[in-house]
């Protein structure tokens, strides 16, 4: 089920999605509503810094042309390709795992769930970054969202089983530990609930990006009304939801203005400045795209480290993990899917 090609087909799209989104963010090609006040200041300061140092790097000697070329590449085409691959891969690996669950070990079970969760998180990131695109492609958005909801439910059930099996030896068979569990049920329940909430929160962000593509705020009331819209298609529901989103944006704007006004009234008091500035920065930072990208990069690195740790413990327990890394011909076939990125890049740049 596993192999070198399968692993590469999971991890390379994750790193590529972070790279593509980062370049689109720095080149200011994302929709304007994805740039909070902090994002605009950060991009402006970074661009001015690169301009002042461009003589030290020849490739930035013609800085405006560099960013112009980057704007020619439609990041949507690249992220859509990544999104398609990881969405299918996250579901297929779960199906393949449960098809062989009677013969696989806890190690393989852990690797499969980790990769599936990893791929689903990458898919949620791409949907969040593509909310401007999905604003005009509602059918594609609904298909992706429905597939992601089904896969997420599948994963939440798998996480519960993983918490049971991870308390046993990695060399044990999964079926044996599930039928005759020797687990700390308090730890299993609480840890499963925590991870299920984390998985559901990523799904919530993706759902909100599709339902409200022109807003960067996520009031819970708007999310509830969005769920009601699935069974209650009324114009009043849509108007109420849009009004709640607008009120949330106005509230945050008034809060920021109030903090700035207080700051101007106390120019010399350091503690007062901190008490005023910190809430304003926290609001702006939590709604910024910089926070989304930073969290995605951290999660990618953390998952990679977790996967390496799983393999390390497998070797420590004298489990043969070479089959997960062998570059067999059949296992190398998923790498061919990465050629799609090359064609998508050429199409996005008009070549």
C-alpha atoms as a PDB file:
ATOM      1  CA  UNK A   1       0.000   0.000   0.000  1.00  0.00           C
ATOM      2  CA  UNK A   2       2.861   2.356   0.807  1.00  0.00           C
ATOM      3  CA  UNK A   3       6.004   3.161  -1.058  1.00  0.00           C
ATOM      4  CA  UNK A   4       8.491   5.840  -1.962  1.00  0.00           C
ATOM      5  CA  UNK A   5       6.304   7.164  -4.759  1.00  0.00           C
ATOM      6  CA  UNK A   6       3.248   7.308  -2.517  1.00  0.00           C
ATOM      7  CA  UNK A   7       5.102   9.229   0.177  1.00  0.00           C
ATOM      8  CA  UNK A   8       6.547  11.711  -2.303  1.00  0.00           C
ATOM      9  CA  UNK A   9       3.126  12.187  -3.900  1.00  0.00           C
ATOM     10  CA  UNK A  10       1.827  13.277  -0.479  1.00  0.00           C
ATOM     11  CA  UNK A  11       4.620  15.489   0.780  1.00  0.00           C
ATOM     12  CA  UNK A  12       5.650  17.333  -2.389  1.00  0.00           C
ATOM     13  CA  UNK A  13       2.139  18.774  -2.991  1.00  0.00           C
ATOM     14  CA  UNK A  14       2.101  20.021   0.607  1.00  0.00           C
ATOM     15  CA  UNK A  15       5.378  21.890   0.242  1.00  0.00           C
ATOM     16  CA  UNK A  16       4.359  23.141  -3.209  1.00  0.00           C
ATOM     17  CA  UNK A  17       1.058  24.509  -1.916  1.00  0.00           C
ATOM     18  CA  UNK A  18       2.870  26.496   0.772  1.00  0.00           C
ATOM     19  CA  UNK A  19       5.371  27.800  -1.777  1.00  0.00           C
ATOM     20  CA  UNK A  20       2.716  28.799  -4.331  1.00  0.00           C
ATOM     21  CA  UNK A  21       0.554  30.501  -1.710  1.00  0.00           C
ATOM     22  CA  UNK A  22       3.590  32.305  -0.276  1.00  0.00           C
ATOM     23  CA  UNK A  23       4.643  33.640  -3.682  1.00  0.00           C
ATOM     24  CA  UNK A  24       1.075  34.722  -4.478  1.00  0.00           C
ATOM     25  CA  UNK A  25       0.891  36.443  -1.087  1.00  0.00           C
ATOM     26  CA  UNK A  26       4.161  38.343  -1.512  1.00  0.00           C
ATOM     27  CA  UNK A  27       3.402  39.329  -5.111  1.00  0.00           C
ATOM     28  CA  UNK A  28      -0.013  40.676  -4.000  1.00  0.00           C
ATOM     29  CA  UNK A  29      -1.983  38.516  -6.426  1.00  0.00           C
ATOM     30  CA  UNK A  30      -4.419  37.186  -3.828  1.00  0.00           C
ATOM     31  CA  UNK A  31      -7.863  38.849  -3.563  1.00  0.00           C
ATOM     32  CA  UNK A  32      -7.794  42.153  -1.689  1.00  0.00           C
ATOM     33  CA  UNK A  33     -10.134  40.884   1.026  1.00  0.00           C
ATOM     34  CA  UNK A  34      -7.469  38.321   2.029  1.00  0.00           C
ATOM     35  CA  UNK A  35      -5.054  41.094   3.040  1.00  0.00           C
ATOM     36  CA  UNK A  36      -5.633  42.409   6.542  1.00  0.00           C
ATOM     37  CA  UNK A  37      -3.956  45.592   7.780  1.00  0.00           C
ATOM     38  CA  UNK A  38      -1.005  43.552   9.048  1.00  0.00           C
ATOM     39  CA  UNK A  39      -0.643  41.799   5.674  1.00  0.00           C
ATOM     40  CA  UNK A  40      -0.528  45.072   3.765  1.00  0.00           C
ATOM     41  CA  UNK A  41       2.098  46.530   6.080  1.00  0.00           C
ATOM     42  CA  UNK A  42       4.199  43.358   5.955  1.00  0.00           C
ATOM     43  CA  UNK A  43       4.135  43.055   2.150  1.00  0.00           C
ATOM     44  CA  UNK A  44       4.863  46.775   1.716  1.00  0.00           C
ATOM     45  CA  UNK A  45       7.786  46.649   4.141  1.00  0.00           C
ATOM     46  CA  UNK A  46       9.193  43.489   2.562  1.00  0.00           C
ATOM     47  CA  UNK A  47       8.970  44.944  -0.941  1.00  0.00           C
ATOM     48  CA  UNK A  48      10.752  48.113   0.169  1.00  0.00           C
ATOM     49  CA  UNK A  49      13.454  46.018   1.862  1.00  0.00           C
ATOM     50  CA  UNK A  50      14.007  43.949  -1.276  1.00  0.00           C
ATOM     51  CA  UNK A  51      14.176  47.126  -3.350  1.00  0.00           C
ATOM     52  CA  UNK A  52      16.846  48.619  -1.102  1.00  0.00           C
ATOM     53  CA  UNK A  53      18.976  45.459  -1.272  1.00  0.00           C
ATOM     54  CA  UNK A  54      18.434  44.600  -4.933  1.00  0.00           C
ATOM     55  CA  UNK A  55      21.959  45.627  -5.919  1.00  0.00           C
ATOM     56  CA  UNK A  56      23.340  42.755  -3.844  1.00  0.00           C
ATOM     57  CA  UNK A  57      21.347  40.207  -5.828  1.00  0.00           C
ATOM     58  CA  UNK A  58      21.451  40.369  -9.590  1.00  0.00           C
ATOM     59  CA  UNK A  59      18.241  38.431  -9.998  1.00  0.00           C
ATOM     60  CA  UNK A  60      16.367  41.283  -8.274  1.00  0.00           C
ATOM     61  CA  UNK A  61      18.066  44.011 -10.279  1.00  0.00           C
ATOM     62  CA  UNK A  62      14.841  44.495 -12.250  1.00  0.00           C
ATOM     63  CA  UNK A  63      12.530  44.125  -9.292  1.00  0.00           C
ATOM     64  CA  UNK A  64       9.278  45.368 -10.910  1.00  0.00           C
ATOM     65  CA  UNK A  65       9.661  42.918 -13.793  1.00  0.00           C
ATOM     66  CA  UNK A  66      10.194  40.083 -11.341  1.00  0.00           C
ATOM     67  CA  UNK A  67       6.869  40.719  -9.625  1.00  0.00           C
ATOM     68  CA  UNK A  68       5.192  41.355 -13.004  1.00  0.00           C
ATOM     69  CA  UNK A  69       6.255  37.890 -14.183  1.00  0.00           C
ATOM     70  CA  UNK A  70       4.951  36.390 -10.951  1.00  0.00           C
ATOM     71  CA  UNK A  71       1.601  38.092 -11.503  1.00  0.00           C
ATOM     72  CA  UNK A  72       1.431  36.507 -14.958  1.00  0.00           C
ATOM     73  CA  UNK A  73       1.380  33.074 -13.345  1.00  0.00           C
ATOM     74  CA  UNK A  74      -2.168  32.388 -12.181  1.00  0.00           C
ATOM     75  CA  UNK A  75      -1.703  30.784  -8.800  1.00  0.00           C
ATOM     76  CA  UNK A  76      -5.266  29.454  -8.970  1.00  0.00           C
ATOM     77  CA  UNK A  77      -4.320  26.950 -11.683  1.00  0.00           C
ATOM     78  CA  UNK A  78      -1.431  25.584  -9.616  1.00  0.00           C
ATOM     79  CA  UNK A  79      -3.401  25.371  -6.372  1.00  0.00           C
ATOM     80  CA  UNK A  80      -6.354  23.737  -8.123  1.00  0.00           C
ATOM     81  CA  UNK A  81      -4.043  21.003  -9.394  1.00  0.00           C
ATOM     82  CA  UNK A  82      -2.641  20.433  -5.913  1.00  0.00           C
ATOM     83  CA  UNK A  83      -6.133  20.510  -4.425  1.00  0.00           C
ATOM     84  CA  UNK A  84      -7.429  17.865  -6.827  1.00  0.00           C
ATOM     85  CA  UNK A  85      -4.557  15.485  -6.145  1.00  0.00           C
ATOM     86  CA  UNK A  86      -4.517  15.708  -2.347  1.00  0.00           C
ATOM     87  CA  UNK A  87      -8.310  15.431  -2.067  1.00  0.00           C
ATOM     88  CA  UNK A  88      -8.354  12.178  -4.018  1.00  0.00           C
ATOM     89  CA  UNK A  89      -5.222  10.872  -2.289  1.00  0.00           C
ATOM     90  CA  UNK A  90      -6.560  11.533   1.232  1.00  0.00           C
ATOM     91  CA  UNK A  91      -9.654   9.433   0.535  1.00  0.00           C
ATOM     92  CA  UNK A  92      -7.997   6.685  -1.523  1.00  0.00           C
ATOM     93  CA  UNK A  93      -5.350   5.918   1.098  1.00  0.00           C
ATOM     94  CA  UNK A  94      -8.072   5.453   3.740  1.00  0.00           C
ATOM     95  CA  UNK A  95      -9.965   3.071   1.453  1.00  0.00           C
ATOM     96  CA  UNK A  96      -6.764   1.136   0.711  1.00  0.00           C
ATOM     97  CA  UNK A  97      -5.955   0.935   4.420  1.00  0.00           C
ATOM     98  CA  UNK A  98      -9.367  -0.413   5.471  1.00  0.00           C
ATOM     99  CA  UNK A  99      -9.326  -2.872   2.569  1.00  0.00           C
ATOM    100  CA  UNK A 100      -6.181  -4.425   4.101  1.00  0.00           C
ATOM    101  CA  UNK A 101      -6.920  -3.777   7.770  1.00  0.00           C
ATOM    102  CA  UNK A 102      -6.867  -7.490   8.616  1.00  0.00           C
ATOM    103  CA  UNK A 103      -3.219  -7.791   7.598  1.00  0.00           C
ATOM    104  CA  UNK A 104      -1.574  -4.438   8.364  1.00  0.00           C
ATOM    105  CA  UNK A 105       0.326  -3.460  11.491  1.00  0.00           C
ATOM    106  CA  UNK A 106      -0.195  -0.509  13.795  1.00  0.00           C
ATOM    107  CA  UNK A 107       2.759   1.184  12.091  1.00  0.00           C
ATOM    108  CA  UNK A 108       1.148   1.091   8.648  1.00  0.00           C
ATOM    109  CA  UNK A 109      -2.179   2.134  10.166  1.00  0.00           C
ATOM    110  CA  UNK A 110      -0.570   5.183  11.808  1.00  0.00           C
ATOM    111  CA  UNK A 111       1.264   6.161   8.629  1.00  0.00           C
ATOM    112  CA  UNK A 112      -1.901   5.920   6.516  1.00  0.00           C
ATOM    113  CA  UNK A 113      -4.007   8.053   8.858  1.00  0.00           C
ATOM    114  CA  UNK A 114      -1.206  10.609   9.225  1.00  0.00           C
ATOM    115  CA  UNK A 115      -0.877  10.951   5.458  1.00  0.00           C
ATOM    116  CA  UNK A 116      -4.640  11.186   4.942  1.00  0.00           C
ATOM    117  CA  UNK A 117      -5.015  13.869   7.604  1.00  0.00           C
ATOM    118  CA  UNK A 118      -2.017  15.676   6.154  1.00  0.00           C
ATOM    119  CA  UNK A 119      -3.522  15.676   2.659  1.00  0.00           C
ATOM    120  CA  UNK A 120      -6.920  16.856   3.903  1.00  0.00           C
ATOM    121  CA  UNK A 121      -5.306  19.775   5.732  1.00  0.00           C
ATOM    122  CA  UNK A 122      -3.478  20.783   2.559  1.00  0.00           C
ATOM    123  CA  UNK A 123      -6.794  20.621   0.697  1.00  0.00           C
ATOM    124  CA  UNK A 124      -8.436  22.880   3.300  1.00  0.00           C
ATOM    125  CA  UNK A 125      -5.596  25.385   2.860  1.00  0.00           C
ATOM    126  CA  UNK A 126      -6.012  25.451  -0.914  1.00  0.00           C
ATOM    127  CA  UNK A 127      -9.775  25.995  -0.593  1.00  0.00           C
ATOM    128  CA  UNK A 128      -9.183  28.905   1.795  1.00  0.00           C
ATOM    129  CA  UNK A 129      -6.705  30.464  -0.643  1.00  0.00           C
ATOM    130  CA  UNK A 130      -9.042  29.902  -3.604  1.00  0.00           C
ATOM    131  CA  UNK A 131     -12.180  31.423  -2.121  1.00  0.00           C
ATOM    132  CA  UNK A 132     -12.096  34.158  -4.765  1.00  0.00           C
ATOM    133  CA  UNK A 133     -12.062  31.525  -7.503  1.00  0.00           C
ATOM    134  CA  UNK A 134     -14.887  29.498  -5.977  1.00  0.00           C
ATOM    135  CA  UNK A 135     -17.047  32.631  -5.752  1.00  0.00           C
ATOM    136  CA  UNK A 136     -17.688  32.177  -9.472  1.00  0.00           C
ATOM    137  CA  UNK A 137     -17.595  28.366  -9.600  1.00  0.00           C
ATOM    138  CA  UNK A 138     -20.278  27.203  -7.184  1.00  0.00           C
ATOM    139  CA  UNK A 139     -20.665  23.684  -8.577  1.00  0.00           C
ATOM    140  CA  UNK A 140     -16.954  22.909  -8.169  1.00  0.00           C
ATOM    141  CA  UNK A 141     -17.049  24.340  -4.664  1.00  0.00           C
ATOM    142  CA  UNK A 142     -19.999  22.151  -3.624  1.00  0.00           C
ATOM    143  CA  UNK A 143     -18.384  19.000  -5.043  1.00  0.00           C
ATOM    144  CA  UNK A 144     -15.117  19.669  -3.227  1.00  0.00           C
ATOM    145  CA  UNK A 145     -16.864  20.562  -0.007  1.00  0.00           C
ATOM    146  CA  UNK A 146     -19.072  17.469  -0.093  1.00  0.00           C
ATOM    147  CA  UNK A 147     -16.067  15.233  -0.724  1.00  0.00           C
ATOM    148  CA  UNK A 148     -14.172  16.889   2.093  1.00  0.00           C
ATOM    149  CA  UNK A 149     -17.061  16.465   4.555  1.00  0.00           C
ATOM    150  CA  UNK A 150     -17.278  12.749   3.758  1.00  0.00           C
ATOM    151  CA  UNK A 151     -13.499  12.298   4.086  1.00  0.00           C
ATOM    152  CA  UNK A 152     -13.436  14.261   7.361  1.00  0.00           C
ATOM    153  CA  UNK A 153     -16.103  12.022   8.923  1.00  0.00           C
ATOM    154  CA  UNK A 154     -14.078   9.022   7.769  1.00  0.00           C
ATOM    155  CA  UNK A 155     -10.966  10.493   9.399  1.00  0.00           C
ATOM    156  CA  UNK A 156     -12.628  11.301  12.715  1.00  0.00           C
ATOM    157  CA  UNK A 157     -13.648   7.649  13.065  1.00  0.00           C
ATOM    158  CA  UNK A 158     -10.116   6.605  12.116  1.00  0.00           C
ATOM    159  CA  UNK A 159      -8.573   8.934  14.706  1.00  0.00           C
ATOM    160  CA  UNK A 160     -10.547   7.191  17.461  1.00  0.00           C
ATOM    161  CA  UNK A 161      -9.212   3.812  16.338  1.00  0.00           C
ATOM    162  CA  UNK A 162      -5.708   5.274  16.082  1.00  0.00           C
ATOM    163  CA  UNK A 163      -5.818   6.448  19.702  1.00  0.00           C
ATOM    164  CA  UNK A 164      -6.657   2.890  20.743  1.00  0.00           C
ATOM    165  CA  UNK A 165      -3.922   1.226  18.709  1.00  0.00           C
ATOM    166  CA  UNK A 166      -1.149   3.742  19.414  1.00  0.00           C
ATOM    167  CA  UNK A 167      -1.007   2.580  23.037  1.00  0.00           C
ATOM    168  CA  UNK A 168       0.181  -0.856  21.880  1.00  0.00           C
ATOM    169  CA  UNK A 169       3.276  -2.048  20.052  1.00  0.00           C
ATOM    170  CA  UNK A 170       3.681  -0.833  16.484  1.00  0.00           C
ATOM    171  CA  UNK A 171       4.309  -4.395  15.339  1.00  0.00           C
ATOM    172  CA  UNK A 172       0.892  -5.620  16.531  1.00  0.00           C
ATOM    173  CA  UNK A 173      -1.923  -6.198  14.079  1.00  0.00           C
ATOM    174  CA  UNK A 174      -4.535  -3.459  14.065  1.00  0.00           C
ATOM    175  CA  UNK A 175      -7.462  -5.875  14.200  1.00  0.00           C
ATOM    176  CA  UNK A 176      -6.115  -7.541  17.342  1.00  0.00           C
ATOM    177  CA  UNK A 177      -5.793  -4.250  19.234  1.00  0.00           C
ATOM    178  CA  UNK A 178      -9.226  -3.057  18.113  1.00  0.00           C
ATOM    179  CA  UNK A 179     -11.001  -6.297  19.090  1.00  0.00           C
ATOM    180  CA  UNK A 180      -9.140  -6.643  22.385  1.00  0.00           C
ATOM    181  CA  UNK A 181      -8.143  -3.097  23.381  1.00  0.00           C
ATOM    182  CA  UNK A 182      -5.813  -2.423  26.272  1.00  0.00           C
ATOM    183  CA  UNK A 183      -6.194   1.338  26.335  1.00  0.00           C
ATOM    184  CA  UNK A 184      -6.605   4.190  28.770  1.00  0.00           C
ATOM    185  CA  UNK A 185     -10.158   5.145  27.857  1.00  0.00           C
ATOM    186  CA  UNK A 186     -10.026   8.581  29.495  1.00  0.00           C
ATOM    187  CA  UNK A 187      -6.963   9.506  27.436  1.00  0.00           C
ATOM    188  CA  UNK A 188      -8.459   7.927  24.324  1.00  0.00           C
ATOM    189  CA  UNK A 189     -11.716   9.879  24.560  1.00  0.00           C
ATOM    190  CA  UNK A 190     -10.218  13.274  25.396  1.00  0.00           C
ATOM    191  CA  UNK A 191      -7.415  13.070  22.845  1.00  0.00           C
ATOM    192  CA  UNK A 192      -9.859  11.877  20.176  1.00  0.00           C
ATOM    193  CA  UNK A 193     -12.188  14.780  20.925  1.00  0.00           C
ATOM    194  CA  UNK A 194      -9.303  17.260  20.766  1.00  0.00           C
ATOM    195  CA  UNK A 195      -8.063  16.007  17.412  1.00  0.00           C
ATOM    196  CA  UNK A 196     -11.602  15.758  16.059  1.00  0.00           C
ATOM    197  CA  UNK A 197     -12.172  19.406  16.978  1.00  0.00           C
ATOM    198  CA  UNK A 198      -8.930  20.376  15.238  1.00  0.00           C
ATOM    199  CA  UNK A 199      -9.916  18.475  12.093  1.00  0.00           C
ATOM    200  CA  UNK A 200     -13.426  19.952  12.145  1.00  0.00           C
ATOM    201  CA  UNK A 201     -12.053  23.476  12.557  1.00  0.00           C
ATOM    202  CA  UNK A 202     -10.081  23.125   9.329  1.00  0.00           C
ATOM    203  CA  UNK A 203     -13.256  21.947   7.621  1.00  0.00           C
ATOM    204  CA  UNK A 204     -15.120  24.931   9.085  1.00  0.00           C
ATOM    205  CA  UNK A 205     -12.596  27.380   7.609  1.00  0.00           C
ATOM    206  CA  UNK A 206     -12.953  25.748   4.211  1.00  0.00           C
ATOM    207  CA  UNK A 207     -16.762  25.823   4.429  1.00  0.00           C
ATOM    208  CA  UNK A 208     -16.778  29.497   5.363  1.00  0.00           C
ATOM    209  CA  UNK A 209     -14.371  30.343   2.522  1.00  0.00           C
ATOM    210  CA  UNK A 210     -16.855  28.824   0.072  1.00  0.00           C
ATOM    211  CA  UNK A 211     -20.009  30.317   1.620  1.00  0.00           C
ATOM    212  CA  UNK A 212     -18.579  33.789   2.261  1.00  0.00           C
ATOM    213  CA  UNK A 213     -15.791  34.287  -0.331  1.00  0.00           C
ATOM    214  CA  UNK A 214     -15.763  38.086   0.031  1.00  0.00           C
ATOM    215  CA  UNK A 215     -15.249  38.201   3.784  1.00  0.00           C
ATOM    216  CA  UNK A 216     -12.255  37.352   5.956  1.00  0.00           C
ATOM    217  CA  UNK A 217     -14.268  37.120   9.195  1.00  0.00           C
ATOM    218  CA  UNK A 218     -15.864  33.945  10.537  1.00  0.00           C
ATOM    219  CA  UNK A 219     -18.677  34.679  13.004  1.00  0.00           C
ATOM    220  CA  UNK A 220     -20.173  31.498  14.389  1.00  0.00           C
ATOM    221  CA  UNK A 221     -23.710  32.751  13.757  1.00  0.00           C
ATOM    222  CA  UNK A 222     -22.971  33.065  10.041  1.00  0.00           C
ATOM    223  CA  UNK A 223     -21.677  29.474  10.045  1.00  0.00           C
ATOM    224  CA  UNK A 224     -24.874  28.221  11.707  1.00  0.00           C
ATOM    225  CA  UNK A 225     -27.009  30.067   9.176  1.00  0.00           C
ATOM    226  CA  UNK A 226     -24.867  28.591   6.435  1.00  0.00           C
ATOM    227  CA  UNK A 227     -25.660  25.102   7.711  1.00  0.00           C
ATOM    228  CA  UNK A 228     -29.354  25.939   7.819  1.00  0.00           C
ATOM    229  CA  UNK A 229     -29.156  27.005   4.199  1.00  0.00           C
ATOM    230  CA  UNK A 230     -28.589  23.373   3.221  1.00  0.00           C
ATOM    231  CA  UNK A 231     -32.205  22.611   4.129  1.00  0.00           C
ATOM    232  CA  UNK A 232     -33.750  26.087   4.256  1.00  0.00           C
ATOM    233  CA  UNK A 233     -33.220  27.991   1.017  1.00  0.00           C
ATOM    234  CA  UNK A 234     -34.798  31.330   1.843  1.00  0.00           C
ATOM    235  CA  UNK A 235     -33.746  34.818   0.789  1.00  0.00           C
ATOM    236  CA  UNK A 236     -34.096  36.074   4.366  1.00  0.00           C
ATOM    237  CA  UNK A 237     -31.555  33.485   5.515  1.00  0.00           C
ATOM    238  CA  UNK A 238     -28.995  34.741   3.000  1.00  0.00           C
ATOM    239  CA  UNK A 239     -29.626  38.392   3.922  1.00  0.00           C
ATOM    240  CA  UNK A 240     -29.345  37.653   7.654  1.00  0.00           C
ATOM    241  CA  UNK A 241     -26.092  35.777   7.130  1.00  0.00           C
ATOM    242  CA  UNK A 242     -24.568  38.569   5.047  1.00  0.00           C
ATOM    243  CA  UNK A 243     -25.698  41.124   7.617  1.00  0.00           C
ATOM    244  CA  UNK A 244     -24.004  39.180  10.424  1.00  0.00           C
ATOM    245  CA  UNK A 245     -20.757  39.029   8.459  1.00  0.00           C
ATOM    246  CA  UNK A 246     -20.955  42.770   7.765  1.00  0.00           C
ATOM    247  CA  UNK A 247     -21.639  43.520  11.429  1.00  0.00           C
ATOM    248  CA  UNK A 248     -18.637  41.419  12.467  1.00  0.00           C
ATOM    249  CA  UNK A 249     -16.358  43.375  10.129  1.00  0.00           C
ATOM    250  CA  UNK A 250     -17.732  46.697  11.391  1.00  0.00           C
ATOM    251  CA  UNK A 251     -17.300  45.608  15.002  1.00  0.00           C
ATOM    252  CA  UNK A 252     -13.649  44.723  14.481  1.00  0.00           C
ATOM    253  CA  UNK A 253     -13.107  47.989  12.593  1.00  0.00           C
ATOM    254  CA  UNK A 254     -14.650  50.035  15.425  1.00  0.00           C
ATOM    255  CA  UNK A 255     -12.598  48.123  17.976  1.00  0.00           C
ATOM    256  CA  UNK A 256      -9.380  48.907  16.094  1.00  0.00           C
ATOM    257  CA  UNK A 257     -10.331  52.593  15.775  1.00  0.00           C
ATOM    258  CA  UNK A 258     -11.161  52.765  19.494  1.00  0.00           C
ATOM    259  CA  UNK A 259      -7.767  51.317  20.403  1.00  0.00           C
ATOM    260  CA  UNK A 260      -5.970  53.838  18.186  1.00  0.00           C
ATOM    261  CA  UNK A 261      -7.936  56.727  19.733  1.00  0.00           C
ATOM    262  CA  UNK A 262      -7.008  55.604  23.253  1.00  0.00           C
ATOM    263  CA  UNK A 263      -3.391  55.303  22.197  1.00  0.00           C
ATOM    264  CA  UNK A 264      -3.344  58.905  20.989  1.00  0.00           C
ATOM    265  CA  UNK A 265      -4.704  60.085  24.345  1.00  0.00           C
ATOM    266  CA  UNK A 266      -1.891  58.349  26.289  1.00  0.00           C
ATOM    267  CA  UNK A 267       1.284  58.889  24.256  1.00  0.00           C
ATOM    268  CA  UNK A 268       3.743  58.429  27.142  1.00  0.00           C
ATOM    269  CA  UNK A 269       2.332  55.618  29.306  1.00  0.00           C
ATOM    270  CA  UNK A 270       4.097  52.417  28.223  1.00  0.00           C
ATOM    271  CA  UNK A 271       1.816  50.012  30.085  1.00  0.00           C
ATOM    272  CA  UNK A 272      -1.243  51.801  28.756  1.00  0.00           C
ATOM    273  CA  UNK A 273       0.180  51.551  25.254  1.00  0.00           C
ATOM    274  CA  UNK A 274       0.694  47.822  25.619  1.00  0.00           C
ATOM    275  CA  UNK A 275      -2.802  47.299  27.024  1.00  0.00           C
ATOM    276  CA  UNK A 276      -4.241  49.158  24.034  1.00  0.00           C
ATOM    277  CA  UNK A 277      -1.965  47.849  21.291  1.00  0.00           C
ATOM    278  CA  UNK A 278      -1.921  44.130  22.142  1.00  0.00           C
ATOM    279  CA  UNK A 279      -5.689  43.484  21.630  1.00  0.00           C
ATOM    280  CA  UNK A 280      -5.643  45.415  18.346  1.00  0.00           C
ATOM    281  CA  UNK A 281      -2.645  43.459  17.080  1.00  0.00           C
ATOM    282  CA  UNK A 282      -4.198  40.166  18.211  1.00  0.00           C
ATOM    283  CA  UNK A 283      -7.399  40.892  16.258  1.00  0.00           C
ATOM    284  CA  UNK A 284      -5.500  41.875  13.126  1.00  0.00           C
ATOM    285  CA  UNK A 285      -3.047  38.988  13.361  1.00  0.00           C
ATOM    286  CA  UNK A 286      -5.738  36.333  13.864  1.00  0.00           C
ATOM    287  CA  UNK A 287      -7.573  37.466  10.699  1.00  0.00           C
ATOM    288  CA  UNK A 288      -4.457  37.860   8.545  1.00  0.00           C
ATOM    289  CA  UNK A 289      -3.342  35.634   5.689  1.00  0.00           C
ATOM    290  CA  UNK A 290       0.149  35.737   7.190  1.00  0.00           C
ATOM    291  CA  UNK A 291      -1.203  33.763  10.161  1.00  0.00           C
ATOM    292  CA  UNK A 292      -2.801  31.215   7.817  1.00  0.00           C
ATOM    293  CA  UNK A 293       0.408  30.707   5.833  1.00  0.00           C
ATOM    294  CA  UNK A 294       2.559  30.544   8.972  1.00  0.00           C
ATOM    295  CA  UNK A 295       0.264  27.954  10.528  1.00  0.00           C
ATOM    296  CA  UNK A 296       0.301  25.903   7.337  1.00  0.00           C
ATOM    297  CA  UNK A 297       4.103  25.924   7.137  1.00  0.00           C
ATOM    298  CA  UNK A 298       4.379  24.939  10.807  1.00  0.00           C
ATOM    299  CA  UNK A 299       1.834  22.133  10.367  1.00  0.00           C
ATOM    300  CA  UNK A 300       3.663  20.820   7.279  1.00  0.00           C
ATOM    301  CA  UNK A 301       6.988  20.705   9.108  1.00  0.00           C
ATOM    302  CA  UNK A 302       5.392  19.215  12.227  1.00  0.00           C
ATOM    303  CA  UNK A 303       3.673  16.457  10.231  1.00  0.00           C
ATOM    304  CA  UNK A 304       6.904  15.660   8.407  1.00  0.00           C
ATOM    305  CA  UNK A 305       8.698  15.384  11.748  1.00  0.00           C
ATOM    306  CA  UNK A 306       5.886  13.188  13.124  1.00  0.00           C
ATOM    307  CA  UNK A 307       6.119  10.872  10.148  1.00  0.00           C
ATOM    308  CA  UNK A 308       9.898  10.547  10.532  1.00  0.00           C
ATOM    309  CA  UNK A 309       9.368   9.845  14.240  1.00  0.00           C
ATOM    310  CA  UNK A 310       6.904   7.045  13.421  1.00  0.00           C
ATOM    311  CA  UNK A 311       9.462   5.435  11.125  1.00  0.00           C
ATOM    312  CA  UNK A 312      12.157   5.839  13.779  1.00  0.00           C
ATOM    313  CA  UNK A 313      10.082   4.055  16.412  1.00  0.00           C
ATOM    314  CA  UNK A 314       9.332   1.363  13.863  1.00  0.00           C
ATOM    315  CA  UNK A 315      13.045   0.710  13.448  1.00  0.00           C
ATOM    316  CA  UNK A 316      13.489   0.823  17.227  1.00  0.00           C
ATOM    317  CA  UNK A 317      10.938  -1.984  17.629  1.00  0.00           C
ATOM    318  CA  UNK A 318      12.743  -3.989  14.931  1.00  0.00           C
ATOM    319  CA  UNK A 319       9.948  -3.530  12.394  1.00  0.00           C
ATOM    320  CA  UNK A 320      10.874  -3.731   8.743  1.00  0.00           C
ATOM    321  CA  UNK A 321      10.065  -0.220   7.479  1.00  0.00           C
ATOM    322  CA  UNK A 322      12.040  -0.577   4.258  1.00  0.00           C
ATOM    323  CA  UNK A 323       8.858  -1.445   2.366  1.00  0.00           C
ATOM    324  CA  UNK A 324       7.628   2.074   3.070  1.00  0.00           C
ATOM    325  CA  UNK A 325      10.657   3.564   1.366  1.00  0.00           C
ATOM    326  CA  UNK A 326      11.488   1.128  -1.427  1.00  0.00           C
ATOM    327  CA  UNK A 327      11.366   2.791  -4.878  1.00  0.00           C
ATOM    328  CA  UNK A 328       9.589  -0.084  -6.618  1.00  0.00           C
ATOM    329  CA  UNK A 329       8.219   0.515 -10.095  1.00  0.00           C
ATOM    330  CA  UNK A 330       4.581   0.304  -9.073  1.00  0.00           C
ATOM    331  CA  UNK A 331       5.215   2.582  -6.126  1.00  0.00           C
ATOM    332  CA  UNK A 332       6.974   5.139  -8.320  1.00  0.00           C
ATOM    333  CA  UNK A 333       3.910   5.604 -10.502  1.00  0.00           C
ATOM    334  CA  UNK A 334       2.329   8.239  -8.212  1.00  0.00           C
ATOM    335  CA  UNK A 335       5.361  10.439  -8.883  1.00  0.00           C
ATOM    336  CA  UNK A 336       4.179  10.713 -12.474  1.00  0.00           C
ATOM    337  CA  UNK A 337       1.199  12.662 -11.153  1.00  0.00           C
ATOM    338  CA  UNK A 338       3.630  15.409 -10.224  1.00  0.00           C
ATOM    339  CA  UNK A 339       4.155  16.046 -13.935  1.00  0.00           C
ATOM    340  CA  UNK A 340       0.702  17.610 -13.853  1.00  0.00           C
ATOM    341  CA  UNK A 341       2.218  20.488 -11.905  1.00  0.00           C
ATOM    342  CA  UNK A 342       4.610  21.205 -14.767  1.00  0.00           C
ATOM    343  CA  UNK A 343       1.797  21.367 -17.308  1.00  0.00           C
ATOM    344  CA  UNK A 344      -0.341  23.458 -14.957  1.00  0.00           C
ATOM    345  CA  UNK A 345       2.532  25.882 -14.449  1.00  0.00           C
ATOM    346  CA  UNK A 346       2.992  26.245 -18.204  1.00  0.00           C
ATOM    347  CA  UNK A 347      -0.732  26.796 -18.660  1.00  0.00           C
ATOM    348  CA  UNK A 348      -0.906  29.317 -15.824  1.00  0.00           C
ATOM    349  CA  UNK A 349       2.009  31.339 -17.219  1.00  0.00           C
ATOM    350  CA  UNK A 350       0.597  31.270 -20.746  1.00  0.00           C
ATOM    351  CA  UNK A 351       3.441  29.177 -22.205  1.00  0.00           C
END
